[in-house]
N, C-alpha and C. Protein backbone atom coordinates (compact mmCIF):
# COMPACT_ATOMS: atom_id res chain seq x y z
N ASN A 1 -63.90 -61.70 -39.96
CA ASN A 1 -64.37 -60.52 -40.32
C ASN A 1 -65.20 -59.41 -39.45
N TRP A 2 -65.09 -60.11 -38.23
CA TRP A 2 -65.94 -59.54 -37.12
C TRP A 2 -65.18 -57.92 -36.92
N MET A 3 -64.10 -57.79 -37.51
CA MET A 3 -63.40 -56.38 -37.30
C MET A 3 -63.92 -55.49 -38.12
N ARG A 4 -64.78 -55.89 -39.59
CA ARG A 4 -65.41 -55.04 -40.03
C ARG A 4 -66.39 -53.97 -39.62
N ASP A 5 -66.99 -54.69 -38.78
CA ASP A 5 -68.45 -53.97 -38.11
C ASP A 5 -67.99 -53.28 -37.17
N ARG A 6 -66.68 -52.99 -36.66
CA ARG A 6 -66.23 -52.54 -35.63
C ARG A 6 -65.48 -51.43 -35.84
N ILE A 7 -64.38 -51.68 -36.89
CA ILE A 7 -63.55 -50.61 -37.34
C ILE A 7 -64.17 -49.63 -38.45
N ILE A 8 -63.95 -48.18 -38.45
CA ILE A 8 -64.27 -47.55 -39.30
C ILE A 8 -63.49 -47.67 -40.26
N ASP A 9 -63.64 -47.63 -41.82
CA ASP A 9 -62.87 -47.72 -42.93
C ASP A 9 -61.59 -48.71 -42.96
N PHE A 10 -62.09 -49.78 -42.30
CA PHE A 10 -61.46 -51.29 -42.12
C PHE A 10 -61.12 -51.69 -43.59
N ALA A 11 -61.98 -51.72 -44.46
CA ALA A 11 -61.46 -52.48 -45.69
C ALA A 11 -60.70 -51.83 -46.67
N ARG A 12 -60.40 -50.31 -46.77
CA ARG A 12 -59.89 -49.60 -47.18
C ARG A 12 -58.01 -49.42 -46.59
N GLN A 13 -58.38 -49.68 -45.32
CA GLN A 13 -57.16 -50.00 -44.30
C GLN A 13 -56.22 -51.52 -44.88
N VAL A 14 -57.01 -52.31 -44.47
CA VAL A 14 -56.66 -53.64 -45.07
C VAL A 14 -56.22 -54.04 -46.28
N GLU A 15 -56.96 -53.07 -47.48
CA GLU A 15 -56.74 -53.90 -48.60
C GLU A 15 -55.40 -54.16 -49.37
N PRO A 16 -54.23 -53.15 -49.19
CA PRO A 16 -53.04 -53.90 -49.51
C PRO A 16 -52.52 -55.31 -49.20
N LEU A 17 -52.77 -55.58 -47.62
CA LEU A 17 -52.60 -56.60 -47.12
C LEU A 17 -53.46 -58.10 -47.98
N GLN A 18 -54.70 -57.65 -48.24
CA GLN A 18 -55.72 -58.88 -48.63
C GLN A 18 -55.15 -58.85 -50.13
N ARG A 19 -55.07 -58.01 -50.77
CA ARG A 19 -54.61 -58.22 -51.98
C ARG A 19 -53.23 -59.06 -52.14
N ARG A 20 -52.49 -58.71 -51.12
CA ARG A 20 -51.01 -59.89 -51.26
C ARG A 20 -51.55 -60.99 -50.54
N LEU A 21 -52.40 -61.24 -49.49
CA LEU A 21 -52.89 -62.54 -49.51
C LEU A 21 -53.35 -63.23 -50.55
N ASP A 22 -54.41 -62.25 -51.25
CA ASP A 22 -55.08 -63.10 -52.26
C ASP A 22 -54.18 -63.84 -53.39
N LYS A 23 -53.16 -62.58 -53.61
CA LYS A 23 -52.18 -63.06 -54.63
C LYS A 23 -51.24 -64.26 -54.07
N ALA A 24 -50.81 -64.62 -53.10
CA ALA A 24 -50.07 -65.28 -52.56
C ALA A 24 -51.06 -66.72 -52.24
N LEU A 25 -52.49 -66.78 -52.13
CA LEU A 25 -53.23 -68.00 -52.06
C LEU A 25 -53.81 -68.14 -53.41
N ALA A 26 -53.21 -67.55 -54.36
CA ALA A 26 -54.22 -67.72 -55.69
C ALA A 26 -53.56 -69.07 -56.58
N SER A 27 -52.79 -69.81 -56.26
CA SER A 27 -52.22 -70.78 -56.56
C SER A 27 -52.38 -72.45 -55.30
N THR A 28 -53.07 -71.86 -54.29
CA THR A 28 -53.08 -72.75 -53.64
C THR A 28 -54.92 -73.16 -52.92
N LYS A 29 -54.67 -73.99 -52.37
CA LYS A 29 -56.44 -74.11 -51.53
C LYS A 29 -56.28 -72.71 -50.74
N ARG A 30 -57.55 -72.08 -50.62
CA ARG A 30 -57.72 -71.04 -49.63
C ARG A 30 -58.29 -71.28 -48.43
N THR A 31 -57.73 -72.13 -47.66
CA THR A 31 -57.71 -72.67 -46.25
C THR A 31 -56.90 -71.91 -45.50
N LYS A 32 -57.11 -72.17 -44.03
CA LYS A 32 -56.03 -71.60 -43.22
C LYS A 32 -54.91 -72.59 -43.11
N ARG A 33 -54.81 -73.69 -43.37
CA ARG A 33 -53.65 -74.46 -43.31
C ARG A 33 -52.72 -74.44 -44.46
N ALA A 34 -53.53 -73.86 -45.61
CA ALA A 34 -52.50 -73.36 -46.76
C ALA A 34 -51.86 -72.07 -46.51
N ALA A 35 -52.69 -71.15 -46.05
CA ALA A 35 -52.24 -69.85 -45.61
C ALA A 35 -51.20 -69.63 -44.38
N ALA A 36 -51.62 -70.80 -43.73
CA ALA A 36 -50.17 -70.91 -42.27
C ALA A 36 -48.74 -71.25 -43.35
N SER A 37 -48.92 -72.08 -44.39
CA SER A 37 -47.59 -72.47 -44.66
C SER A 37 -46.71 -71.52 -45.90
N ILE A 38 -47.76 -70.47 -45.93
CA ILE A 38 -47.20 -69.19 -47.09
C ILE A 38 -45.97 -68.28 -46.20
N GLU A 39 -44.87 -68.36 -46.73
CA GLU A 39 -44.24 -67.02 -46.17
C GLU A 39 -43.77 -66.16 -47.20
N PHE A 40 -43.99 -64.72 -46.72
CA PHE A 40 -43.74 -63.75 -47.69
C PHE A 40 -43.33 -62.55 -46.90
N GLU A 41 -42.69 -61.84 -47.55
CA GLU A 41 -42.26 -60.48 -47.00
C GLU A 41 -43.27 -59.04 -47.62
N LEU A 42 -42.99 -58.51 -46.42
CA LEU A 42 -44.05 -56.95 -47.00
C LEU A 42 -43.42 -56.33 -47.22
N ASP A 43 -43.57 -55.52 -48.68
CA ASP A 43 -42.84 -54.47 -49.34
C ASP A 43 -43.41 -52.84 -48.19
N GLU A 44 -42.84 -51.79 -48.15
CA GLU A 44 -42.74 -50.90 -47.56
C GLU A 44 -44.53 -50.25 -47.45
N HIS A 45 -45.18 -50.08 -48.50
CA HIS A 45 -46.40 -49.94 -48.63
C HIS A 45 -47.52 -50.92 -47.61
N GLU A 46 -47.13 -52.12 -48.07
CA GLU A 46 -47.77 -53.22 -46.87
C GLU A 46 -47.57 -53.16 -45.72
N ARG A 47 -46.20 -52.89 -45.29
CA ARG A 47 -45.68 -52.53 -43.69
C ARG A 47 -46.55 -51.65 -42.87
N ARG A 48 -46.87 -50.33 -44.01
CA ARG A 48 -47.29 -48.96 -43.26
C ARG A 48 -48.97 -49.65 -43.26
N SER A 49 -49.58 -50.35 -43.97
CA SER A 49 -50.72 -50.76 -44.11
C SER A 49 -51.19 -51.76 -42.96
N PHE A 50 -50.25 -52.37 -42.51
CA PHE A 50 -50.16 -53.49 -41.38
C PHE A 50 -49.93 -52.71 -40.38
N ASP A 51 -49.06 -51.80 -40.17
CA ASP A 51 -48.86 -51.13 -38.75
C ASP A 51 -50.21 -50.17 -38.81
N SER A 52 -50.91 -49.62 -39.49
CA SER A 52 -51.91 -48.85 -39.84
C SER A 52 -53.06 -49.83 -38.99
N VAL A 53 -53.27 -50.69 -39.61
CA VAL A 53 -54.23 -51.72 -39.30
C VAL A 53 -54.24 -51.99 -37.85
N LYS A 54 -52.96 -52.30 -37.01
CA LYS A 54 -52.81 -52.30 -35.69
C LYS A 54 -53.16 -51.48 -35.15
N GLU A 55 -52.77 -50.00 -35.29
CA GLU A 55 -53.34 -49.19 -34.87
C GLU A 55 -54.70 -48.63 -34.49
N VAL A 56 -55.45 -48.96 -35.57
CA VAL A 56 -57.02 -48.97 -35.45
C VAL A 56 -57.70 -50.16 -34.79
N LEU A 57 -56.86 -50.95 -34.71
CA LEU A 57 -57.57 -52.34 -33.87
C LEU A 57 -57.19 -51.97 -32.30
N ALA A 58 -56.19 -51.27 -32.38
CA ALA A 58 -55.89 -51.17 -30.67
C ALA A 58 -56.78 -50.07 -30.30
N ASN A 59 -57.31 -49.11 -31.31
CA ASN A 59 -58.01 -47.76 -30.87
C ASN A 59 -59.55 -48.08 -31.26
N ALA A 60 -59.97 -49.18 -31.80
CA ALA A 60 -61.37 -49.60 -32.42
C ALA A 60 -62.41 -48.94 -31.75
N ALA A 61 -63.49 -48.58 -32.27
CA ALA A 61 -64.59 -47.76 -31.54
C ALA A 61 -65.61 -48.77 -30.83
N THR A 62 -66.09 -48.83 -29.59
CA THR A 62 -67.18 -49.23 -29.14
C THR A 62 -68.68 -49.16 -29.81
N LEU A 63 -69.02 -50.11 -30.18
CA LEU A 63 -70.40 -49.99 -30.77
C LEU A 63 -71.55 -49.92 -29.36
N ASP A 64 -72.35 -48.98 -29.36
CA ASP A 64 -73.48 -48.81 -28.94
C ASP A 64 -74.66 -49.21 -29.14
N PHE A 65 -75.60 -49.25 -27.97
CA PHE A 65 -77.18 -50.29 -28.46
C PHE A 65 -77.82 -49.13 -29.25
N SER A 66 -78.65 -49.60 -30.08
CA SER A 66 -79.88 -48.73 -30.59
C SER A 66 -80.86 -48.25 -29.47
N ASP A 67 -81.11 -47.03 -29.67
CA ASP A 67 -82.40 -46.41 -28.67
C ASP A 67 -83.30 -45.48 -29.54
N ASP A 68 -84.69 -46.10 -29.32
CA ASP A 68 -85.92 -45.45 -30.62
C ASP A 68 -86.07 -43.98 -30.21
N LYS A 69 -85.38 -43.42 -28.64
CA LYS A 69 -85.73 -42.02 -28.26
C LYS A 69 -84.48 -41.25 -29.02
N THR A 70 -83.69 -41.84 -29.94
CA THR A 70 -82.55 -40.43 -30.44
C THR A 70 -82.88 -40.74 -32.27
N THR A 71 -82.23 -39.95 -32.46
CA THR A 71 -82.25 -39.82 -34.15
C THR A 71 -81.33 -40.69 -34.78
N THR A 72 -81.46 -41.60 -35.58
CA THR A 72 -80.70 -42.27 -36.20
C THR A 72 -79.66 -41.44 -37.27
N CYS A 73 -78.53 -41.75 -37.69
CA CYS A 73 -78.02 -41.01 -38.85
C CYS A 73 -77.05 -42.23 -39.68
N LEU A 74 -77.32 -42.19 -41.10
CA LEU A 74 -76.52 -42.79 -42.00
C LEU A 74 -75.70 -41.91 -42.70
N PHE A 75 -74.41 -42.47 -42.58
CA PHE A 75 -73.34 -41.98 -43.59
C PHE A 75 -72.61 -42.77 -44.52
N THR A 76 -72.71 -42.46 -45.76
CA THR A 76 -71.49 -43.36 -46.32
C THR A 76 -70.64 -42.72 -47.20
N ASP A 77 -70.08 -43.34 -47.62
CA ASP A 77 -68.52 -42.72 -48.49
C ASP A 77 -68.25 -43.96 -49.59
N ALA A 78 -68.18 -43.77 -50.61
CA ALA A 78 -67.47 -44.74 -51.96
C ALA A 78 -66.42 -43.90 -52.82
N PRO A 79 -65.25 -43.95 -52.14
CA PRO A 79 -64.44 -43.38 -53.21
C PRO A 79 -63.95 -44.33 -54.10
N TYR A 80 -62.97 -44.58 -54.86
CA TYR A 80 -62.52 -45.07 -55.72
C TYR A 80 -62.45 -46.72 -55.75
N VAL A 81 -61.59 -47.17 -54.45
CA VAL A 81 -61.66 -48.62 -54.36
C VAL A 81 -62.52 -49.29 -53.37
N GLY A 82 -63.17 -48.40 -52.62
CA GLY A 82 -63.99 -49.10 -51.54
C GLY A 82 -65.18 -48.28 -51.08
N TYR A 83 -65.65 -48.66 -50.09
CA TYR A 83 -66.94 -48.00 -49.73
C TYR A 83 -67.21 -48.14 -47.89
N ALA A 84 -67.73 -47.24 -47.36
CA ALA A 84 -67.77 -47.06 -45.87
C ALA A 84 -69.47 -47.09 -45.52
N ILE A 85 -70.10 -47.56 -44.35
CA ILE A 85 -71.03 -47.36 -44.26
C ILE A 85 -71.01 -46.92 -42.61
N ILE A 86 -71.53 -45.84 -41.68
CA ILE A 86 -71.45 -45.70 -40.84
C ILE A 86 -73.10 -45.45 -40.17
N VAL A 87 -73.40 -45.94 -38.81
CA VAL A 87 -74.78 -45.79 -38.60
C VAL A 87 -74.44 -45.39 -37.09
N SER A 88 -75.00 -44.12 -36.93
CA SER A 88 -75.11 -43.49 -35.73
C SER A 88 -76.35 -42.90 -35.16
N GLN A 89 -76.34 -42.55 -33.78
CA GLN A 89 -77.61 -41.61 -33.34
C GLN A 89 -76.91 -40.54 -32.53
N VAL A 90 -78.03 -39.64 -32.27
CA VAL A 90 -77.62 -38.55 -31.68
C VAL A 90 -78.99 -38.13 -30.64
N MET A 91 -78.48 -38.01 -29.17
CA MET A 91 -79.42 -37.88 -28.38
C MET A 91 -80.50 -36.74 -28.70
N ASP A 92 -79.71 -35.59 -28.64
CA ASP A 92 -80.60 -34.28 -28.64
C ASP A 92 -80.19 -33.36 -30.12
N PHE A 93 -80.60 -34.31 -31.08
CA PHE A 93 -80.52 -33.82 -32.37
C PHE A 93 -80.94 -32.22 -33.07
N ASP A 94 -79.89 -31.38 -33.31
CA ASP A 94 -80.13 -30.23 -33.39
C ASP A 94 -79.78 -30.08 -35.06
N PRO A 95 -81.23 -29.69 -35.68
CA PRO A 95 -81.12 -29.88 -36.95
C PRO A 95 -80.41 -28.10 -37.82
N LEU A 96 -80.30 -27.44 -36.89
CA LEU A 96 -79.27 -26.16 -37.30
C LEU A 96 -77.93 -26.28 -37.08
N LYS A 97 -77.63 -27.16 -36.38
CA LYS A 97 -76.24 -27.81 -36.04
C LYS A 97 -75.49 -28.75 -37.39
N PRO A 98 -74.52 -28.44 -37.77
CA PRO A 98 -74.20 -29.32 -38.90
C PRO A 98 -73.89 -30.58 -38.05
N ALA A 99 -73.76 -31.69 -38.81
CA ALA A 99 -73.99 -33.12 -38.50
C ALA A 99 -72.73 -33.47 -37.31
N ILE A 100 -71.28 -32.97 -38.22
CA ILE A 100 -69.80 -33.23 -37.56
C ILE A 100 -70.14 -32.31 -36.23
N GLU A 101 -70.80 -31.63 -35.72
CA GLU A 101 -70.71 -30.87 -34.23
C GLU A 101 -71.79 -31.28 -33.40
N GLN A 102 -72.50 -32.42 -33.60
CA GLN A 102 -73.54 -33.46 -32.87
C GLN A 102 -72.59 -34.56 -32.19
N GLN A 103 -73.10 -34.76 -30.87
CA GLN A 103 -72.82 -35.90 -30.56
C GLN A 103 -73.18 -37.25 -30.79
N HIS A 104 -72.44 -37.61 -31.78
CA HIS A 104 -73.11 -39.22 -32.29
C HIS A 104 -72.31 -40.57 -31.46
N ARG A 105 -73.14 -41.49 -31.10
CA ARG A 105 -73.01 -42.79 -30.54
C ARG A 105 -72.71 -44.09 -31.61
N LEU A 106 -71.80 -44.29 -31.93
CA LEU A 106 -71.70 -45.38 -33.31
C LEU A 106 -72.35 -46.60 -32.57
N ILE A 107 -73.20 -46.79 -33.76
CA ILE A 107 -73.87 -48.18 -33.85
C ILE A 107 -73.86 -49.03 -34.94
N HIS A 108 -73.17 -48.87 -35.88
CA HIS A 108 -72.92 -49.69 -36.79
C HIS A 108 -71.88 -49.04 -37.82
N CYS A 109 -70.90 -50.09 -37.93
CA CYS A 109 -70.03 -49.43 -39.28
C CYS A 109 -69.55 -50.59 -40.04
N THR A 110 -69.47 -50.44 -41.30
CA THR A 110 -69.01 -51.49 -42.11
C THR A 110 -68.08 -50.61 -43.32
N SER A 111 -67.60 -51.90 -43.92
CA SER A 111 -66.57 -50.99 -45.02
C SER A 111 -66.07 -52.31 -45.97
N GLY A 112 -66.07 -52.24 -47.28
CA GLY A 112 -65.47 -53.30 -48.26
C GLY A 112 -64.95 -52.67 -49.28
N THR A 113 -64.09 -53.52 -49.79
CA THR A 113 -63.56 -52.88 -51.14
C THR A 113 -64.50 -53.40 -52.56
N PHE A 114 -64.30 -52.75 -53.59
CA PHE A 114 -65.07 -53.01 -54.72
C PHE A 114 -64.39 -54.14 -55.48
N MET A 115 -64.90 -55.04 -56.01
CA MET A 115 -64.02 -56.23 -56.95
C MET A 115 -65.00 -56.27 -58.04
N GLY A 116 -64.30 -56.96 -58.76
CA GLY A 116 -64.73 -57.54 -60.23
C GLY A 116 -65.15 -56.35 -60.83
N SER A 117 -66.65 -56.77 -61.56
CA SER A 117 -66.82 -55.78 -62.35
C SER A 117 -67.79 -54.42 -61.63
N GLN A 118 -67.75 -54.46 -60.54
CA GLN A 118 -68.00 -53.29 -59.48
C GLN A 118 -66.92 -51.87 -59.67
N CYS A 119 -65.71 -52.45 -59.83
CA CYS A 119 -64.69 -51.73 -60.15
C CYS A 119 -65.03 -50.55 -61.38
N ASN A 120 -65.61 -51.16 -62.27
CA ASN A 120 -66.17 -50.56 -63.47
C ASN A 120 -67.36 -49.49 -63.06
N TRP A 121 -68.06 -50.04 -62.03
CA TRP A 121 -68.84 -48.94 -62.07
C TRP A 121 -68.76 -47.32 -61.95
N THR A 122 -69.98 -46.75 -62.28
CA THR A 122 -69.69 -45.05 -62.51
C THR A 122 -69.53 -44.72 -61.07
N VAL A 123 -68.97 -43.27 -61.22
CA VAL A 123 -69.22 -42.76 -59.55
C VAL A 123 -70.36 -42.69 -59.08
N ILE A 124 -71.57 -42.29 -59.74
CA ILE A 124 -72.95 -42.31 -58.79
C ILE A 124 -73.45 -43.84 -58.58
N GLU A 125 -73.20 -44.76 -59.23
CA GLU A 125 -73.33 -46.40 -59.11
C GLU A 125 -72.35 -46.51 -57.82
N LYS A 126 -71.09 -46.17 -57.57
CA LYS A 126 -70.30 -46.49 -56.53
C LYS A 126 -70.92 -45.75 -55.02
N GLU A 127 -71.43 -44.52 -55.59
CA GLU A 127 -71.70 -43.73 -54.25
C GLU A 127 -73.36 -44.36 -53.72
N VAL A 128 -73.85 -44.95 -54.49
CA VAL A 128 -75.41 -45.19 -54.17
C VAL A 128 -75.32 -46.77 -53.31
N PHE A 129 -74.40 -47.91 -53.62
CA PHE A 129 -74.22 -48.85 -53.39
C PHE A 129 -74.12 -48.87 -51.71
N PRO A 130 -73.24 -48.10 -50.97
CA PRO A 130 -73.30 -48.24 -49.68
C PRO A 130 -74.68 -48.04 -48.82
N SER A 131 -75.55 -47.01 -49.63
CA SER A 131 -76.79 -46.72 -49.12
C SER A 131 -77.62 -47.86 -49.19
N SER A 132 -77.73 -48.53 -50.61
CA SER A 132 -78.68 -49.66 -50.71
C SER A 132 -78.33 -50.80 -50.38
N TRP A 133 -77.09 -51.17 -49.95
CA TRP A 133 -76.38 -52.25 -49.50
C TRP A 133 -76.93 -52.32 -47.97
N ARG A 134 -76.89 -51.06 -47.21
CA ARG A 134 -77.37 -51.06 -45.91
C ARG A 134 -78.88 -51.21 -45.50
N VAL A 135 -79.78 -50.88 -46.65
CA VAL A 135 -81.16 -50.64 -46.41
C VAL A 135 -81.45 -52.41 -46.51
N ILE A 136 -80.74 -53.16 -47.67
CA ILE A 136 -80.96 -54.44 -48.02
C ILE A 136 -80.50 -55.49 -46.48
N ASN A 137 -79.42 -54.96 -46.25
CA ASN A 137 -79.00 -56.12 -45.21
C ASN A 137 -79.22 -55.34 -43.90
């Protein structure tokens, strides 16, 4: 799980593979030993997801150290299946420039997929979740 904090949008990218693994492990113990003995073929969608995860791993963002002299920015997104949280800092923040045009240094990123009853949340509840989760954690 160390990758979740270093790869932007990791949970959404790995979701098809996670779903496949959960399905394969449903009738076994959820241990590394049990997982090592399971064999299965990836379908085309899962293969694309696997290739995408390999690419983002190869290009993973380097995290920077927090600096009290900078402006901290929190960005969240929660579309249908998951959420993403990005914390960045801008040395010379210009309130007149759009955030996308600022020089951001990545401090933290995490993502996850909605599970169980979370999938039934309203759009507003899903959008609020990443911000509140980040404040609590």
